[in-house]
């Protein structure tokens, strides 16, 4: 219960009763006066004060609300895609992880993770539409993100060695910003090469240069 409507002889009486019911203090609530008290005529027709008292949202309640909205949206989309998927939620310090498991999970991943990235983007939009503080949501499917990271690092290592041998720059395949960051991070302390992102989205790619 986070909202009550209470009546009392005075507004103050009604508010005190509401605070008692909510078991909170005045600085934690928002008070709306629905009806002011009236004395009536010679004591006849007197009406009490009526107030609505609602708990102010906290950062934690708003975060939970955003996560719930994300889960509901994702479940509805997956059903529309014809997928029977189990969603596992893990809350990390800087993000919330939704991990998917189920049959035909490849449909939720798509070619090189494009469907998964699109679902992740839309889920973040829905979750943060009204959230006062941004909640970062990462979507994964049967550990695809880790497998993709390993694949990108192997490719980066292989191409970097070719660049060092040939002393010629080489461009990798177009990638999204998250994947480009993986490559830049992997090669940032790699002896003999430097990296730059070049081109325009969605064809922006990492170019590996010899030092």
C-alpha atoms as a PDB file:
ATOM      1  CA  UNK A   1       0.000   0.000   0.000  1.00  0.00           C
ATOM      2  CA  UNK A   2       1.510   3.317  -1.084  1.00  0.00           C
ATOM      3  CA  UNK A   3      -1.586   5.533  -1.254  1.00  0.00           C
ATOM      4  CA  UNK A   4      -4.594   6.076   1.040  1.00  0.00           C
ATOM      5  CA  UNK A   5      -7.637   8.328   1.093  1.00  0.00           C
ATOM      6  CA  UNK A   6      -8.599   9.386   4.620  1.00  0.00           C
ATOM      7  CA  UNK A   7     -11.104  11.720   6.247  1.00  0.00           C
ATOM      8  CA  UNK A   8     -10.782  13.649   9.495  1.00  0.00           C
ATOM      9  CA  UNK A   9     -12.266  16.547  11.416  1.00  0.00           C
ATOM     10  CA  UNK A  10      -9.477  18.759  10.080  1.00  0.00           C
ATOM     11  CA  UNK A  11      -6.926  18.392   7.303  1.00  0.00           C
ATOM     12  CA  UNK A  12      -4.241  17.908   9.935  1.00  0.00           C
ATOM     13  CA  UNK A  13      -6.224  15.128  11.608  1.00  0.00           C
ATOM     14  CA  UNK A  14      -6.750  13.359   8.293  1.00  0.00           C
ATOM     15  CA  UNK A  15      -3.070  13.608   7.394  1.00  0.00           C
ATOM     16  CA  UNK A  16      -1.995  12.254  10.786  1.00  0.00           C
ATOM     17  CA  UNK A  17      -4.317   9.274  10.335  1.00  0.00           C
ATOM     18  CA  UNK A  18      -2.966   8.645   6.831  1.00  0.00           C
ATOM     19  CA  UNK A  19       0.640   8.759   8.052  1.00  0.00           C
ATOM     20  CA  UNK A  20      -0.259   6.241  10.741  1.00  0.00           C
ATOM     21  CA  UNK A  21      -1.779   3.892   8.178  1.00  0.00           C
ATOM     22  CA  UNK A  22       1.211   4.202   5.854  1.00  0.00           C
ATOM     23  CA  UNK A  23       3.630   4.023   8.790  1.00  0.00           C
ATOM     24  CA  UNK A  24       5.715   6.897   7.496  1.00  0.00           C
ATOM     25  CA  UNK A  25       6.480  10.584   8.057  1.00  0.00           C
ATOM     26  CA  UNK A  26       5.231  13.784   6.451  1.00  0.00           C
ATOM     27  CA  UNK A  27       8.431  14.432   4.483  1.00  0.00           C
ATOM     28  CA  UNK A  28       8.044  11.057   2.721  1.00  0.00           C
ATOM     29  CA  UNK A  29       4.592  11.684   1.267  1.00  0.00           C
ATOM     30  CA  UNK A  30       2.668  13.901  -1.091  1.00  0.00           C
ATOM     31  CA  UNK A  31      -0.640  15.254   0.273  1.00  0.00           C
ATOM     32  CA  UNK A  32      -3.609  16.179  -1.921  1.00  0.00           C
ATOM     33  CA  UNK A  33      -6.620  17.831  -0.261  1.00  0.00           C
ATOM     34  CA  UNK A  34      -9.721  16.391  -1.910  1.00  0.00           C
ATOM     35  CA  UNK A  35     -12.270  18.149   0.314  1.00  0.00           C
ATOM     36  CA  UNK A  36     -11.864  20.908   2.888  1.00  0.00           C
ATOM     37  CA  UNK A  37     -13.859  20.592   6.133  1.00  0.00           C
ATOM     38  CA  UNK A  38     -17.051  22.610   6.543  1.00  0.00           C
ATOM     39  CA  UNK A  39     -18.781  23.496   9.824  1.00  0.00           C
ATOM     40  CA  UNK A  40     -22.297  23.571   8.422  1.00  0.00           C
ATOM     41  CA  UNK A  41     -25.151  25.746   9.705  1.00  0.00           C
ATOM     42  CA  UNK A  42     -25.721  25.484  13.467  1.00  0.00           C
ATOM     43  CA  UNK A  43     -23.770  22.258  13.401  1.00  0.00           C
ATOM     44  CA  UNK A  44     -25.908  20.742  10.666  1.00  0.00           C
ATOM     45  CA  UNK A  45     -24.405  19.532   7.378  1.00  0.00           C
ATOM     46  CA  UNK A  46     -20.831  19.583   8.638  1.00  0.00           C
ATOM     47  CA  UNK A  47     -18.403  17.671   6.448  1.00  0.00           C
ATOM     48  CA  UNK A  48     -14.969  16.297   7.324  1.00  0.00           C
ATOM     49  CA  UNK A  49     -11.749  16.977   5.488  1.00  0.00           C
ATOM     50  CA  UNK A  50     -10.747  14.364   2.922  1.00  0.00           C
ATOM     51  CA  UNK A  51      -7.133  13.948   1.847  1.00  0.00           C
ATOM     52  CA  UNK A  52      -5.204  11.627  -0.412  1.00  0.00           C
ATOM     53  CA  UNK A  53      -1.742  10.800   0.876  1.00  0.00           C
ATOM     54  CA  UNK A  54       0.729   9.009  -1.360  1.00  0.00           C
ATOM     55  CA  UNK A  55       4.255   7.815  -0.674  1.00  0.00           C
ATOM     56  CA  UNK A  56       6.868   9.649  -2.725  1.00  0.00           C
ATOM     57  CA  UNK A  57       8.672   7.292  -5.107  1.00  0.00           C
ATOM     58  CA  UNK A  58      12.180   6.323  -4.040  1.00  0.00           C
ATOM     59  CA  UNK A  59      15.080   5.553  -6.350  1.00  0.00           C
ATOM     60  CA  UNK A  60      14.750   1.862  -5.514  1.00  0.00           C
ATOM     61  CA  UNK A  61      11.010   1.698  -6.265  1.00  0.00           C
ATOM     62  CA  UNK A  62      11.515   3.552  -9.551  1.00  0.00           C
ATOM     63  CA  UNK A  63      14.312   1.146 -10.505  1.00  0.00           C
ATOM     64  CA  UNK A  64      12.111  -1.869  -9.786  1.00  0.00           C
ATOM     65  CA  UNK A  65       9.304  -0.324 -11.802  1.00  0.00           C
ATOM     66  CA  UNK A  66      11.617   0.190 -14.785  1.00  0.00           C
ATOM     67  CA  UNK A  67      12.868  -3.402 -14.581  1.00  0.00           C
ATOM     68  CA  UNK A  68       9.296  -4.750 -14.384  1.00  0.00           C
ATOM     69  CA  UNK A  69       8.316  -2.726 -17.453  1.00  0.00           C
ATOM     70  CA  UNK A  70      11.339  -4.093 -19.315  1.00  0.00           C
ATOM     71  CA  UNK A  71      10.473  -7.680 -18.413  1.00  0.00           C
ATOM     72  CA  UNK A  72       6.831  -7.344 -19.467  1.00  0.00           C
ATOM     73  CA  UNK A  73       7.774  -5.730 -22.773  1.00  0.00           C
ATOM     74  CA  UNK A  74      10.390  -8.366 -23.538  1.00  0.00           C
ATOM     75  CA  UNK A  75       8.061 -11.250 -22.676  1.00  0.00           C
ATOM     76  CA  UNK A  76       5.345  -9.836 -24.957  1.00  0.00           C
ATOM     77  CA  UNK A  77       7.755  -9.354 -27.873  1.00  0.00           C
ATOM     78  CA  UNK A  78       9.176 -12.870 -27.535  1.00  0.00           C
ATOM     79  CA  UNK A  79       5.664 -14.328 -27.539  1.00  0.00           C
ATOM     80  CA  UNK A  80       4.875 -12.360 -30.708  1.00  0.00           C
ATOM     81  CA  UNK A  81       8.047 -13.848 -32.237  1.00  0.00           C
ATOM     82  CA  UNK A  82       6.709 -17.315 -31.446  1.00  0.00           C
ATOM     83  CA  UNK A  83       9.477 -18.098 -28.959  1.00  0.00           C
ATOM     84  CA  UNK A  84       9.071 -20.057 -25.734  1.00  0.00           C
ATOM     85  CA  UNK A  85      11.863 -18.450 -23.728  1.00  0.00           C
ATOM     86  CA  UNK A  86      12.820 -18.412 -20.049  1.00  0.00           C
ATOM     87  CA  UNK A  87      14.052 -15.029 -18.803  1.00  0.00           C
ATOM     88  CA  UNK A  88      16.609 -14.986 -16.004  1.00  0.00           C
ATOM     89  CA  UNK A  89      17.275 -11.643 -14.322  1.00  0.00           C
ATOM     90  CA  UNK A  90      20.525 -10.723 -12.595  1.00  0.00           C
ATOM     91  CA  UNK A  91      21.075  -7.296 -11.047  1.00  0.00           C
ATOM     92  CA  UNK A  92      24.653  -6.051 -11.279  1.00  0.00           C
ATOM     93  CA  UNK A  93      26.144  -2.876  -9.795  1.00  0.00           C
ATOM     94  CA  UNK A  94      26.001  -0.910 -13.048  1.00  0.00           C
ATOM     95  CA  UNK A  95      23.422  -2.819 -15.111  1.00  0.00           C
ATOM     96  CA  UNK A  96      20.623  -5.363 -15.165  1.00  0.00           C
ATOM     97  CA  UNK A  97      21.154  -8.569 -17.160  1.00  0.00           C
ATOM     98  CA  UNK A  98      18.278 -10.397 -18.840  1.00  0.00           C
ATOM     99  CA  UNK A  99      19.529 -13.797 -19.979  1.00  0.00           C
ATOM    100  CA  UNK A 100      17.314 -15.825 -22.323  1.00  0.00           C
ATOM    101  CA  UNK A 101      17.153 -19.611 -22.630  1.00  0.00           C
ATOM    102  CA  UNK A 102      14.886 -21.736 -24.788  1.00  0.00           C
ATOM    103  CA  UNK A 103      14.255 -23.427 -28.108  1.00  0.00           C
ATOM    104  CA  UNK A 104      14.930 -21.589 -31.390  1.00  0.00           C
ATOM    105  CA  UNK A 105      16.930 -19.029 -29.397  1.00  0.00           C
ATOM    106  CA  UNK A 106      18.878 -18.242 -32.555  1.00  0.00           C
ATOM    107  CA  UNK A 107      15.852 -16.291 -33.797  1.00  0.00           C
ATOM    108  CA  UNK A 108      16.286 -13.924 -30.848  1.00  0.00           C
ATOM    109  CA  UNK A 109      19.995 -13.502 -31.629  1.00  0.00           C
ATOM    110  CA  UNK A 110      19.878 -12.977 -35.374  1.00  0.00           C
ATOM    111  CA  UNK A 111      22.796 -12.575 -37.767  1.00  0.00           C
ATOM    112  CA  UNK A 112      25.849 -11.535 -35.741  1.00  0.00           C
ATOM    113  CA  UNK A 113      23.563 -10.542 -32.876  1.00  0.00           C
ATOM    114  CA  UNK A 114      21.647  -7.853 -34.756  1.00  0.00           C
ATOM    115  CA  UNK A 115      18.225  -9.009 -33.532  1.00  0.00           C
ATOM    116  CA  UNK A 116      19.539  -9.300 -29.986  1.00  0.00           C
ATOM    117  CA  UNK A 117      20.963  -5.764 -30.161  1.00  0.00           C
ATOM    118  CA  UNK A 118      17.673  -4.412 -31.520  1.00  0.00           C
ATOM    119  CA  UNK A 119      15.712  -6.099 -28.724  1.00  0.00           C
ATOM    120  CA  UNK A 120      18.163  -4.718 -26.177  1.00  0.00           C
ATOM    121  CA  UNK A 121      17.802  -1.188 -27.551  1.00  0.00           C
ATOM    122  CA  UNK A 122      13.985  -1.307 -27.502  1.00  0.00           C
ATOM    123  CA  UNK A 123      13.929  -2.814 -24.011  1.00  0.00           C
ATOM    124  CA  UNK A 124      16.105   0.028 -22.716  1.00  0.00           C
ATOM    125  CA  UNK A 125      13.821   2.602 -24.352  1.00  0.00           C
ATOM    126  CA  UNK A 126      10.732   1.081 -22.700  1.00  0.00           C
ATOM    127  CA  UNK A 127      12.374   0.696 -19.286  1.00  0.00           C
ATOM    128  CA  UNK A 128      13.701   4.259 -19.176  1.00  0.00           C
ATOM    129  CA  UNK A 129      10.758   6.072 -20.743  1.00  0.00           C
ATOM    130  CA  UNK A 130       9.695   7.522 -17.391  1.00  0.00           C
ATOM    131  CA  UNK A 131      12.551   6.468 -15.102  1.00  0.00           C
ATOM    132  CA  UNK A 132      14.145   9.449 -13.289  1.00  0.00           C
ATOM    133  CA  UNK A 133      17.518   7.672 -13.235  1.00  0.00           C
ATOM    134  CA  UNK A 134      18.789   5.627 -16.188  1.00  0.00           C
ATOM    135  CA  UNK A 135      18.689   1.850 -15.761  1.00  0.00           C
ATOM    136  CA  UNK A 136      21.110   0.107 -18.133  1.00  0.00           C
ATOM    137  CA  UNK A 137      19.770  -3.220 -19.386  1.00  0.00           C
ATOM    138  CA  UNK A 138      21.870  -5.836 -21.169  1.00  0.00           C
ATOM    139  CA  UNK A 139      20.170  -8.628 -23.062  1.00  0.00           C
ATOM    140  CA  UNK A 140      21.927 -11.958 -23.613  1.00  0.00           C
ATOM    141  CA  UNK A 141      20.934 -15.337 -25.051  1.00  0.00           C
ATOM    142  CA  UNK A 142      22.646 -18.522 -23.900  1.00  0.00           C
ATOM    143  CA  UNK A 143      25.931 -16.699 -23.300  1.00  0.00           C
ATOM    144  CA  UNK A 144      26.085 -15.248 -26.818  1.00  0.00           C
ATOM    145  CA  UNK A 145      27.747 -12.014 -25.649  1.00  0.00           C
ATOM    146  CA  UNK A 146      30.744 -13.838 -24.135  1.00  0.00           C
ATOM    147  CA  UNK A 147      31.110 -16.092 -27.181  1.00  0.00           C
ATOM    148  CA  UNK A 148      30.948 -13.106 -29.521  1.00  0.00           C
ATOM    149  CA  UNK A 149      33.549 -11.249 -27.429  1.00  0.00           C
ATOM    150  CA  UNK A 150      35.941 -14.205 -27.668  1.00  0.00           C
ATOM    151  CA  UNK A 151      35.376 -14.417 -31.431  1.00  0.00           C
ATOM    152  CA  UNK A 152      36.100 -10.701 -31.911  1.00  0.00           C
ATOM    153  CA  UNK A 153      39.255 -10.868 -29.819  1.00  0.00           C
ATOM    154  CA  UNK A 154      40.545 -13.872 -31.810  1.00  0.00           C
ATOM    155  CA  UNK A 155      39.854 -12.017 -35.063  1.00  0.00           C
ATOM    156  CA  UNK A 156      41.530  -8.845 -33.760  1.00  0.00           C
ATOM    157  CA  UNK A 157      44.588 -10.829 -32.684  1.00  0.00           C
ATOM    158  CA  UNK A 158      44.823 -12.568 -36.053  1.00  0.00           C
ATOM    159  CA  UNK A 159      44.501  -9.362 -38.091  1.00  0.00           C
ATOM    160  CA  UNK A 160      46.885  -7.425 -35.813  1.00  0.00           C
ATOM    161  CA  UNK A 161      49.598 -10.016 -36.446  1.00  0.00           C
ATOM    162  CA  UNK A 162      49.030  -9.663 -40.212  1.00  0.00           C
ATOM    163  CA  UNK A 163      49.333  -5.881 -39.913  1.00  0.00           C
ATOM    164  CA  UNK A 164      52.610  -6.196 -38.032  1.00  0.00           C
ATOM    165  CA  UNK A 165      54.023  -8.599 -40.627  1.00  0.00           C
ATOM    166  CA  UNK A 166      52.856  -6.654 -43.683  1.00  0.00           C
ATOM    167  CA  UNK A 167      53.285  -3.151 -42.234  1.00  0.00           C
ATOM    168  CA  UNK A 168      49.957  -2.341 -43.935  1.00  0.00           C
ATOM    169  CA  UNK A 169      46.739  -1.129 -42.315  1.00  0.00           C
ATOM    170  CA  UNK A 170      43.723  -3.451 -42.371  1.00  0.00           C
ATOM    171  CA  UNK A 171      40.032  -2.802 -41.775  1.00  0.00           C
ATOM    172  CA  UNK A 172      37.751  -5.193 -39.904  1.00  0.00           C
ATOM    173  CA  UNK A 173      34.103  -5.858 -40.742  1.00  0.00           C
ATOM    174  CA  UNK A 174      31.527  -3.177 -39.831  1.00  0.00           C
ATOM    175  CA  UNK A 175      30.539  -3.394 -36.151  1.00  0.00           C
ATOM    176  CA  UNK A 176      28.254  -1.667 -33.701  1.00  0.00           C
ATOM    177  CA  UNK A 177      29.806   0.635 -31.041  1.00  0.00           C
ATOM    178  CA  UNK A 178      29.862  -2.078 -28.343  1.00  0.00           C
ATOM    179  CA  UNK A 179      31.770  -4.511 -30.562  1.00  0.00           C
ATOM    180  CA  UNK A 180      34.194  -1.852 -31.746  1.00  0.00           C
ATOM    181  CA  UNK A 181      34.923  -1.058 -28.107  1.00  0.00           C
ATOM    182  CA  UNK A 182      35.796  -4.723 -27.492  1.00  0.00           C
ATOM    183  CA  UNK A 183      38.358  -4.621 -30.309  1.00  0.00           C
ATOM    184  CA  UNK A 184      39.832  -1.255 -29.247  1.00  0.00           C
ATOM    185  CA  UNK A 185      40.162  -2.462 -25.656  1.00  0.00           C
ATOM    186  CA  UNK A 186      41.781  -5.755 -26.682  1.00  0.00           C
ATOM    187  CA  UNK A 187      44.357  -4.027 -28.883  1.00  0.00           C
ATOM    188  CA  UNK A 188      45.047  -0.908 -26.829  1.00  0.00           C
ATOM    189  CA  UNK A 189      48.200  -2.417 -25.268  1.00  0.00           C
ATOM    190  CA  UNK A 190      49.037  -4.664 -28.218  1.00  0.00           C
ATOM    191  CA  UNK A 191      52.654  -4.078 -29.241  1.00  0.00           C
ATOM    192  CA  UNK A 192      53.078  -2.854 -32.805  1.00  0.00           C
ATOM    193  CA  UNK A 193      49.592  -1.612 -33.708  1.00  0.00           C
ATOM    194  CA  UNK A 194      47.117   1.199 -33.087  1.00  0.00           C
ATOM    195  CA  UNK A 195      43.394   1.314 -33.875  1.00  0.00           C
ATOM    196  CA  UNK A 196      40.861   3.856 -35.098  1.00  0.00           C
ATOM    197  CA  UNK A 197      37.151   3.723 -35.882  1.00  0.00           C
ATOM    198  CA  UNK A 198      36.424   5.021 -39.372  1.00  0.00           C
ATOM    199  CA  UNK A 199      33.366   5.432 -41.594  1.00  0.00           C
ATOM    200  CA  UNK A 200      29.724   6.229 -40.939  1.00  0.00           C
ATOM    201  CA  UNK A 201      27.112   4.152 -39.124  1.00  0.00           C
ATOM    202  CA  UNK A 202      25.991   1.484 -39.747  1.00  0.00           C
ATOM    203  CA  UNK A 203      29.155   0.690 -41.735  1.00  0.00           C
ATOM    204  CA  UNK A 204      31.638   2.150 -39.250  1.00  0.00           C
ATOM    205  CA  UNK A 205      34.561  -0.212 -38.695  1.00  0.00           C
ATOM    206  CA  UNK A 206      37.809  -0.589 -36.787  1.00  0.00           C
ATOM    207  CA  UNK A 207      40.975   0.007 -38.796  1.00  0.00           C
ATOM    208  CA  UNK A 208      44.213  -1.475 -37.436  1.00  0.00           C
ATOM    209  CA  UNK A 209      47.394   0.488 -38.245  1.00  0.00           C
ATOM    210  CA  UNK A 210      51.022  -0.538 -37.795  1.00  0.00           C
ATOM    211  CA  UNK A 211      52.910   1.619 -35.326  1.00  0.00           C
END
